[in-house]
């Protein structure tokens, strides 16, 4: 593709972008090649690579403002993700089991909506254990794959309460903008994936019916329901409170939830801070090493061939699947702004871009959120769900199996339809057009 060739052909200051490439390759391959060593040392690699880039920009390039911006964005990102993670971990759902295909489909639909309200990480943490429990006796790798598709990724494409859309919100995208402009694409994609799941789950149910024990039936129960109030308080703070006051308030809300919740509820969820710590270290490295990449993308959109909504949609999507959708979203957002000579760190210019080039923002928002479901490394909750399922002795797709058996044959056709219906023959965007 043109944008790949452009990336290879134009490499200004490429040595300082190497830490970013090294980190993303390590995230993708190290857990597969040397899992034990990765688990012991990944945080050291993240700190070292981020430190190299930040020190370069502080003392060599003399660009202190970019380091400060990256630091502020990282802290805000972790406060939001961490707050929803902690509060969701205080809600323990017991669901009626065994479950049929229709109830499973409705559960995933509710999970997709919930991914917008409490973030895909919070929704994944809240629902993955009930999802496994309600399919006890017949849970298959496809149940984990479709959960990742809808709850951990596609579902969260409407509101910026988690990665990657929250990064756009930090840069000035209005809170309800994606809901107003992306709901049709979201509805089409969710409907397609749910129909496919219903058919496959119906086949699975008929094939595994003898393995389901009626004695395992339980009733619906929710322990820690008061934490839903804390969740809505977090959402209100995210929407209504200005930066600087928002972050401390969200931390206080999360602490209030933690101390107001009996320990037994979190123990029933097997709640620990280990997944949050892992995300924290990884995104420390990502935010730190992305500084020169963002700078490069701001001035290189035309060279990379990102001159149409279709190109932006597919380029953002493919890289979101291969790398991580949060930093990819931010990088392509910077590139789209740079194509029109706007600065991503100037809210007034971001607002001007949105008012005149909204189609490009729709394309990159959908590309980042949807395509993050193509691999386990495409979005933060994906590996989290896989790990929880494996600890529960649940059949889970392998890294390659997830891609070839589920993601490519099911998701790519849906994404193609979105491209055809909503970005048909996108007109080329001339640099400087406003």
Protein backbone atom coordinates (compact mmCIF):
# COMPACT_ATOMS: atom_id res chain seq x y z
CA UNK A 1 0.00 0.00 0.00
CA UNK A 2 1.06 3.58 -0.65
CA UNK A 3 1.21 4.57 3.00
CA UNK A 4 3.56 1.64 3.83
CA UNK A 5 5.92 2.55 0.97
CA UNK A 6 5.86 6.16 2.06
CA UNK A 7 6.77 5.21 5.60
CA UNK A 8 9.80 3.32 4.35
CA UNK A 9 10.86 5.97 1.86
CA UNK A 10 10.71 8.95 4.22
CA UNK A 11 12.61 8.43 7.45
CA UNK A 12 13.67 11.73 8.98
CA UNK A 13 15.27 11.29 12.40
CA UNK A 14 14.52 7.59 12.19
CA UNK A 15 17.06 6.51 14.87
CA UNK A 16 15.07 8.21 17.63
CA UNK A 17 11.93 6.40 16.41
CA UNK A 18 13.60 3.01 16.79
CA UNK A 19 12.68 2.71 20.51
CA UNK A 20 9.01 2.89 19.54
CA UNK A 21 9.43 0.15 16.93
CA UNK A 22 11.48 -2.01 19.33
CA UNK A 23 8.84 -1.69 22.05
CA UNK A 24 5.92 -2.61 19.80
CA UNK A 25 7.78 -5.58 18.30
CA UNK A 26 8.62 -6.73 21.83
CA UNK A 27 4.99 -6.43 22.94
CA UNK A 28 3.89 -8.50 19.95
CA UNK A 29 6.54 -11.23 19.95
CA UNK A 30 8.31 -11.46 23.31
CA UNK A 31 5.39 -13.08 25.18
CA UNK A 32 5.34 -15.79 22.50
CA UNK A 33 9.10 -16.37 22.27
CA UNK A 34 10.28 -15.85 25.86
CA UNK A 35 7.23 -15.43 28.06
CA UNK A 36 9.02 -16.00 31.38
CA UNK A 37 11.76 -13.46 30.67
CA UNK A 38 9.24 -10.97 29.28
CA UNK A 39 7.10 -11.14 32.41
CA UNK A 40 10.15 -10.53 34.59
CA UNK A 41 11.77 -7.72 32.60
CA UNK A 42 9.19 -5.98 30.37
CA UNK A 43 8.83 -3.03 32.74
CA UNK A 44 12.58 -2.40 32.60
CA UNK A 45 12.46 -2.31 28.80
CA UNK A 46 9.53 0.13 28.86
CA UNK A 47 11.31 2.52 31.24
CA UNK A 48 14.62 2.30 29.36
CA UNK A 49 13.16 2.96 25.91
CA UNK A 50 10.90 5.78 27.13
CA UNK A 51 13.83 7.28 29.03
CA UNK A 52 16.04 7.34 25.95
CA UNK A 53 13.44 9.21 23.91
CA UNK A 54 12.50 11.66 26.66
CA UNK A 55 16.12 12.48 27.49
CA UNK A 56 16.81 13.08 23.81
CA UNK A 57 13.94 15.54 23.52
CA UNK A 58 14.84 17.26 26.78
CA UNK A 59 18.57 17.74 26.29
CA UNK A 60 19.34 17.25 22.57
CA UNK A 61 16.28 18.39 20.62
CA UNK A 62 15.32 20.95 23.32
CA UNK A 63 11.62 20.07 22.97
CA UNK A 64 10.58 20.00 26.61
CA UNK A 65 6.95 20.85 25.79
CA UNK A 66 6.45 17.56 23.94
CA UNK A 67 7.74 15.56 26.90
CA UNK A 68 5.45 17.47 29.25
CA UNK A 69 2.46 16.91 26.97
CA UNK A 70 3.20 13.18 26.81
CA UNK A 71 3.55 12.99 30.59
CA UNK A 72 0.26 14.76 31.21
CA UNK A 73 -1.56 12.58 28.69
CA UNK A 74 -0.12 9.42 30.27
CA UNK A 75 -1.15 10.37 33.80
CA UNK A 76 -4.67 11.27 32.68
CA UNK A 77 -4.94 8.07 30.67
CA UNK A 78 -3.92 5.88 33.61
CA UNK A 79 -6.22 7.71 36.04
CA UNK A 80 -9.23 7.12 33.80
CA UNK A 81 -8.41 3.50 32.96
CA UNK A 82 -7.42 2.71 36.55
CA UNK A 83 -10.51 4.29 38.10
CA UNK A 84 -12.93 2.33 35.94
CA UNK A 85 -10.86 -0.83 36.47
CA UNK A 86 -10.99 -0.54 40.28
CA UNK A 87 -14.70 0.28 40.48
CA UNK A 88 -15.73 -2.47 38.02
CA UNK A 89 -13.70 -4.95 40.07
CA UNK A 90 -16.06 -4.31 43.01
CA UNK A 91 -19.10 -5.68 41.17
CA UNK A 92 -19.57 -9.45 41.19
CA UNK A 93 -22.22 -10.80 38.84
CA UNK A 94 -23.65 -14.30 39.14
CA UNK A 95 -25.69 -15.25 36.13
CA UNK A 96 -28.18 -17.96 35.34
CA UNK A 97 -26.56 -20.94 33.67
CA UNK A 98 -26.50 -22.80 31.39
CA UNK A 99 -27.31 -20.20 28.77
CA UNK A 100 -28.82 -20.55 25.32
CA UNK A 101 -27.81 -18.87 22.08
CA UNK A 102 -30.36 -16.06 22.37
CA UNK A 103 -29.42 -15.18 25.94
CA UNK A 104 -25.73 -15.24 25.02
CA UNK A 105 -26.39 -12.90 22.09
CA UNK A 106 -28.32 -10.47 24.28
CA UNK A 107 -25.52 -10.63 26.87
CA UNK A 108 -22.94 -9.62 24.26
CA UNK A 109 -25.18 -6.82 23.02
CA UNK A 110 -25.51 -5.47 26.58
CA UNK A 111 -21.74 -5.85 26.95
CA UNK A 112 -21.20 -3.79 23.81
CA UNK A 113 -23.34 -0.98 25.22
CA UNK A 114 -21.60 -1.26 28.58
CA UNK A 115 -18.22 -0.91 26.88
CA UNK A 116 -19.25 2.65 26.05
CA UNK A 117 -20.41 3.49 29.57
CA UNK A 118 -17.52 2.15 31.66
CA UNK A 119 -14.85 1.58 29.02
CA UNK A 120 -13.84 -1.65 27.33
CA UNK A 121 -11.41 -2.53 30.12
CA UNK A 122 -14.03 -2.03 32.82
CA UNK A 123 -16.70 -3.92 30.85
CA UNK A 124 -14.30 -6.77 30.08
CA UNK A 125 -13.31 -7.09 33.73
CA UNK A 126 -16.93 -6.98 34.86
CA UNK A 127 -18.38 -9.46 32.37
CA UNK A 128 -15.74 -12.04 31.41
CA UNK A 129 -16.21 -14.26 34.48
CA UNK A 130 -20.04 -14.23 34.27
CA UNK A 131 -19.69 -14.97 30.55
CA UNK A 132 -17.59 -18.04 31.29
CA UNK A 133 -19.92 -19.15 34.10
CA UNK A 134 -23.12 -18.90 32.06
CA UNK A 135 -21.61 -21.13 29.36
CA UNK A 136 -20.13 -23.67 31.75
CA UNK A 137 -20.09 -27.13 30.20
CA UNK A 138 -19.96 -25.90 26.61
CA UNK A 139 -17.66 -22.89 26.57
CA UNK A 140 -15.51 -22.95 23.42
CA UNK A 141 -12.72 -20.78 21.97
CA UNK A 142 -15.31 -18.92 19.89
CA UNK A 143 -16.98 -17.63 23.08
CA UNK A 144 -13.73 -15.92 24.09
CA UNK A 145 -13.15 -14.59 20.56
CA UNK A 146 -16.60 -13.02 20.21
CA UNK A 147 -16.39 -11.55 23.70
CA UNK A 148 -13.14 -9.84 22.69
CA UNK A 149 -14.73 -8.67 19.43
CA UNK A 150 -17.78 -7.01 20.95
CA UNK A 151 -17.12 -6.18 24.60
CA UNK A 152 -13.39 -5.46 24.50
CA UNK A 153 -13.28 -3.59 21.19
CA UNK A 154 -16.14 -2.82 18.81
CA UNK A 155 -18.60 -2.03 21.58
CA UNK A 156 -16.53 0.88 22.82
CA UNK A 157 -16.58 2.86 19.58
CA UNK A 158 -19.20 5.41 20.60
CA UNK A 159 -18.01 7.15 23.78
CA UNK A 160 -14.43 8.10 24.76
CA UNK A 161 -14.31 6.48 28.20
CA UNK A 162 -11.26 4.35 27.41
CA UNK A 163 -8.54 3.69 24.84
CA UNK A 164 -8.27 4.65 22.07
CA UNK A 165 -11.00 7.32 21.82
CA UNK A 166 -10.15 8.84 25.18
CA UNK A 167 -6.87 10.04 23.70
CA UNK A 168 -8.85 12.05 21.15
CA UNK A 169 -11.03 13.44 23.94
CA UNK A 170 -7.86 14.60 25.69
CA UNK A 171 -6.86 16.47 22.53
CA UNK A 172 -10.18 18.26 22.19
CA UNK A 173 -12.68 15.94 20.47
CA UNK A 174 -16.10 16.65 22.09
CA UNK A 175 -17.31 13.86 24.37
CA UNK A 176 -20.42 12.99 22.33
CA UNK A 177 -18.92 13.50 18.87
CA UNK A 178 -18.31 9.83 18.02
CA UNK A 179 -21.76 8.85 19.29
CA UNK A 180 -23.37 11.42 17.00
CA UNK A 181 -21.28 10.54 13.95
CA UNK A 182 -20.41 6.83 14.22
CA UNK A 183 -23.56 5.14 15.54
CA UNK A 184 -24.69 3.87 12.11
CA UNK A 185 -21.36 2.16 11.39
CA UNK A 186 -21.34 0.78 14.94
CA UNK A 187 -24.86 -0.60 14.63
CA UNK A 188 -24.13 -2.31 11.31
CA UNK A 189 -20.92 -3.92 12.57
CA UNK A 190 -22.39 -5.07 15.88
CA UNK A 191 -25.45 -6.51 14.10
CA UNK A 192 -23.31 -8.51 11.64
CA UNK A 193 -21.06 -9.94 14.35
CA UNK A 194 -24.02 -10.82 16.60
CA UNK A 195 -25.87 -12.63 13.79
CA UNK A 196 -22.76 -14.72 13.02
CA UNK A 197 -22.30 -15.47 16.72
CA UNK A 198 -25.94 -16.52 17.18
CA UNK A 199 -25.68 -19.04 14.34
CA UNK A 200 -22.36 -20.49 15.57
CA UNK A 201 -23.54 -20.61 19.17
CA UNK A 202 -26.73 -22.40 18.18
CA UNK A 203 -24.61 -25.05 16.46
CA UNK A 204 -22.35 -25.27 19.51
CA UNK A 205 -25.34 -25.64 21.85
CA UNK A 206 -26.83 -28.53 19.88
CA UNK A 207 -23.47 -30.28 19.64
CA UNK A 208 -22.62 -29.92 23.35
CA UNK A 209 -26.05 -30.26 24.96
CA UNK A 210 -25.19 -33.53 26.68
CA UNK A 211 -22.22 -31.88 28.42
CA UNK A 212 -24.46 -29.32 30.13
CA UNK A 213 -25.58 -30.33 33.61
CA UNK A 214 -28.92 -28.98 34.70
CA UNK A 215 -27.75 -29.10 38.33
CA UNK A 216 -25.46 -26.17 37.58
CA UNK A 217 -28.36 -23.76 37.09
CA UNK A 218 -28.08 -20.69 39.32
CA UNK A 219 -30.08 -17.51 39.65
CA UNK A 220 -29.06 -14.00 38.69
CA UNK A 221 -27.36 -12.10 41.50
CA UNK A 222 -25.33 -8.92 41.73
CA UNK A 223 -23.07 -8.27 44.70
CA UNK A 224 -21.56 -4.82 45.08
CA UNK A 225 -24.37 -3.14 43.13
CA UNK A 226 -23.63 0.14 44.93
CA UNK A 227 -20.55 0.41 42.72
CA UNK A 228 -22.77 1.23 39.75
CA UNK A 229 -23.29 4.58 41.46
CA UNK A 230 -19.52 5.02 41.58
CA UNK A 231 -19.34 4.13 37.89
CA UNK A 232 -21.85 6.82 36.99
CA UNK A 233 -19.98 9.27 39.22
CA UNK A 234 -16.80 8.52 37.24
CA UNK A 235 -18.64 9.08 33.98
CA UNK A 236 -20.05 12.39 35.23
CA UNK A 237 -16.59 13.54 36.32
CA UNK A 238 -15.13 12.56 32.96
CA UNK A 239 -17.74 14.54 31.07
CA UNK A 240 -18.32 17.59 33.23
CA UNK A 241 -15.16 18.31 35.25
CA UNK A 242 -12.30 20.25 33.71
CA UNK A 243 -8.79 18.85 33.40
CA UNK A 244 -6.71 19.37 36.51
CA UNK A 245 -9.71 18.83 38.79
CA UNK A 246 -11.02 15.77 36.94
CA UNK A 247 -8.13 13.44 37.69
CA UNK A 248 -7.98 13.91 41.50
CA UNK A 249 -11.77 13.60 41.69
CA UNK A 250 -11.74 10.33 39.76
CA UNK A 251 -9.02 8.95 42.03
CA UNK A 252 -11.11 9.85 45.09
CA UNK A 253 -14.18 8.17 43.57
CA UNK A 254 -12.19 5.00 42.89
CA UNK A 255 -10.78 5.01 46.43
CA UNK A 256 -14.27 5.50 47.82
CA UNK A 257 -15.48 2.49 45.85
CA UNK A 258 -12.53 0.39 46.99
CA UNK A 259 -13.01 1.04 50.69
CA UNK A 260 -16.81 0.85 50.50
CA UNK A 261 -16.73 -2.63 48.96
CA UNK A 262 -16.39 -5.75 51.14
CA UNK A 263 -13.18 -7.60 50.41
CA UNK A 264 -15.10 -10.80 49.77
CA UNK A 265 -16.65 -9.35 46.62
CA UNK A 266 -13.27 -8.55 45.10
CA UNK A 267 -11.99 -11.97 46.14
CA UNK A 268 -14.94 -13.55 44.33
CA UNK A 269 -13.77 -11.67 41.23
CA UNK A 270 -10.15 -12.73 41.84
CA UNK A 271 -9.44 -9.01 41.70
CA UNK A 272 -5.82 -7.87 41.76
CA UNK A 273 -4.01 -4.79 40.50
CA UNK A 274 -1.62 -6.92 38.43
CA UNK A 275 -3.39 -6.30 35.07
CA UNK A 276 -3.50 -2.56 35.76
CA UNK A 277 0.20 -2.51 36.66
CA UNK A 278 1.04 -4.29 33.41
CA UNK A 279 -0.98 -1.80 31.39
CA UNK A 280 0.67 1.04 33.30
CA UNK A 281 4.21 -0.08 32.45
CA UNK A 282 3.40 -0.83 28.82
CA UNK A 283 1.70 2.51 28.22
CA UNK A 284 4.50 4.35 30.00
CA UNK A 285 6.79 2.98 27.33
CA UNK A 286 4.31 3.67 24.54
CA UNK A 287 3.58 7.27 25.53
CA UNK A 288 7.28 8.00 26.00
CA UNK A 289 8.54 6.45 22.78
CA UNK A 290 5.71 7.85 20.66
CA UNK A 291 6.88 11.46 20.96
CA UNK A 292 9.01 11.50 17.78
CA UNK A 293 6.50 9.30 15.92
CA UNK A 294 3.74 11.84 16.54
CA UNK A 295 6.05 14.63 15.41
CA UNK A 296 6.85 12.73 12.22
CA UNK A 297 3.23 11.83 11.49
CA UNK A 298 2.11 15.44 11.82
CA UNK A 299 4.16 16.41 8.77
CA UNK A 300 4.07 13.22 6.70
CA UNK A 301 0.43 12.37 6.02
CA UNK A 302 0.62 13.23 2.32
CA UNK A 303 3.83 11.22 1.84
CA UNK A 304 2.16 8.23 3.48
CA UNK A 305 -0.76 8.38 1.06
CA UNK A 306 -3.34 9.31 3.72
CA UNK A 307 -5.27 11.53 1.35
CA UNK A 308 -8.73 9.95 1.53
CA UNK A 309 -11.11 8.73 4.19
CA UNK A 310 -10.83 5.17 2.88
CA UNK A 311 -7.02 5.24 3.12
CA UNK A 312 -7.17 6.64 6.65
CA UNK A 313 -9.72 3.99 7.69
CA UNK A 314 -7.68 1.03 6.44
CA UNK A 315 -4.24 2.38 7.36
CA UNK A 316 -5.34 3.21 10.90
CA UNK A 317 -7.12 -0.12 11.17
CA UNK A 318 -4.31 -2.36 9.97
CA UNK A 319 -1.73 -0.70 12.19
CA UNK A 320 -4.16 -0.78 15.12
CA UNK A 321 -4.35 -4.55 14.72
CA UNK A 322 -0.61 -5.07 14.34
CA UNK A 323 0.51 -2.63 17.02
CA UNK A 324 -1.88 -1.17 19.59
CA UNK A 325 -4.93 0.86 18.74
CA UNK A 326 -4.47 3.63 21.32
CA UNK A 327 -1.10 4.99 20.14
CA UNK A 328 -2.01 4.26 16.51
CA UNK A 329 -5.16 6.38 16.86
CA UNK A 330 -3.12 9.23 18.30
CA UNK A 331 -0.46 8.96 15.60
CA UNK A 332 -2.97 9.05 12.73
CA UNK A 333 -4.94 11.81 14.41
CA UNK A 334 -1.74 13.85 14.45
CA UNK A 335 -1.12 12.94 10.79
CA UNK A 336 -4.60 14.00 9.69
CA UNK A 337 -4.25 17.30 11.53
CA UNK A 338 -0.80 17.85 10.09
CA UNK A 339 -2.12 17.31 6.56
CA UNK A 340 -4.24 20.44 7.06
CA UNK A 341 -1.48 22.30 8.91
CA UNK A 342 -3.12 21.96 12.32
CA UNK A 343 -1.36 21.24 15.63
CA UNK A 344 -2.69 18.33 17.71
CA UNK A 345 -1.68 20.12 20.92
CA UNK A 346 -3.80 23.21 20.18
CA UNK A 347 -7.47 22.59 21.14
CA UNK A 348 -8.72 25.49 19.00
CA UNK A 349 -7.04 24.01 15.92
CA UNK A 350 -8.40 20.54 16.74
CA UNK A 351 -11.91 22.04 16.90
CA UNK A 352 -11.38 23.76 13.55
CA UNK A 353 -10.22 20.48 11.99
CA UNK A 354 -13.25 18.59 13.32
CA UNK A 355 -15.70 21.16 11.97
CA UNK A 356 -14.21 21.01 8.47
CA UNK A 357 -12.79 17.49 8.14
CA UNK A 358 -15.09 15.34 10.26
CA UNK A 359 -15.12 12.49 7.76
CA UNK A 360 -11.43 11.85 8.34
CA UNK A 361 -11.95 11.70 12.10
CA UNK A 362 -14.82 9.22 11.61
CA UNK A 363 -12.54 7.04 9.48
CA UNK A 364 -9.64 6.95 11.91
CA UNK A 365 -11.95 6.52 14.95
CA UNK A 366 -13.64 3.50 13.41
CA UNK A 367 -10.37 2.09 12.10
CA UNK A 368 -8.74 2.22 15.52
CA UNK A 369 -11.65 0.91 17.59
CA UNK A 370 -12.88 -1.79 15.20
CA UNK A 371 -9.57 -3.22 14.00
CA UNK A 372 -8.15 -3.50 17.52
CA UNK A 373 -10.19 -6.72 17.67
CA UNK A 374 -8.15 -8.41 14.92
CA UNK A 375 -5.33 -9.56 17.22
CA UNK A 376 -4.71 -10.06 20.93
CA UNK A 377 -2.30 -7.12 20.91
CA UNK A 378 -4.69 -4.72 19.18
CA UNK A 379 -6.27 -3.36 22.38
CA UNK A 380 -5.43 -3.35 26.07
CA UNK A 381 -8.30 -5.61 27.29
CA UNK A 382 -7.69 -8.37 24.73
CA UNK A 383 -4.78 -10.04 26.50
CA UNK A 384 -6.47 -9.37 29.83
CA UNK A 385 -9.50 -11.42 28.77
CA UNK A 386 -7.30 -14.18 27.36
CA UNK A 387 -5.32 -14.40 30.60
CA UNK A 388 -8.42 -14.57 32.81
CA UNK A 389 -9.92 -17.29 30.61
CA UNK A 390 -6.73 -19.35 30.68
CA UNK A 391 -6.54 -19.08 34.48
CA UNK A 392 -10.11 -20.39 34.56
CA UNK A 393 -9.08 -23.47 32.53
CA UNK A 394 -11.24 -22.31 29.62
CA UNK A 395 -10.44 -23.30 26.00
CA UNK A 396 -8.92 -20.16 24.52
CA UNK A 397 -7.83 -19.45 20.93
CA UNK A 398 -4.08 -19.34 20.41
CA UNK A 399 -2.52 -16.13 19.11
CA UNK A 400 -2.51 -17.39 15.52
CA UNK A 401 -5.74 -19.36 15.86
CA UNK A 402 -7.58 -16.28 17.07
CA UNK A 403 -6.55 -14.41 13.91
CA UNK A 404 -7.06 -17.12 11.29
CA UNK A 405 -10.08 -18.96 12.67
CA UNK A 406 -12.08 -16.02 13.97
CA UNK A 407 -10.85 -12.48 13.37
CA UNK A 408 -10.07 -12.57 9.65
CA UNK A 409 -13.05 -14.59 8.37
CA UNK A 410 -15.63 -12.86 10.59
CA UNK A 411 -14.44 -9.28 11.10
CA UNK A 412 -12.80 -8.37 7.79
CA UNK A 413 -16.01 -8.85 5.73
CA UNK A 414 -17.87 -6.62 8.20
CA UNK A 415 -15.15 -3.97 8.01
CA UNK A 416 -15.23 -4.12 4.20
CA UNK A 417 -18.97 -3.46 4.24
CA UNK A 418 -18.44 -0.43 6.48
CA UNK A 419 -15.83 0.86 4.03
CA UNK A 420 -18.13 0.34 1.03
CA UNK A 421 -21.26 1.82 2.61
CA UNK A 422 -19.75 4.76 4.48
CA UNK A 423 -16.54 5.66 2.62
CA UNK A 424 -17.40 4.98 -1.02
CA UNK A 425 -15.07 6.71 -3.45
CA UNK A 426 -13.80 9.10 -0.78
CA UNK A 427 -12.55 12.22 -2.44
CA UNK A 428 -8.88 12.93 -2.13
CA UNK A 429 -7.97 15.49 0.46
CA UNK A 430 -5.60 18.16 -0.75
CA UNK A 431 -3.18 19.40 1.88
CA UNK A 432 -4.15 22.79 3.15
CA UNK A 433 -7.81 22.44 2.13
CA UNK A 434 -10.07 23.76 4.86
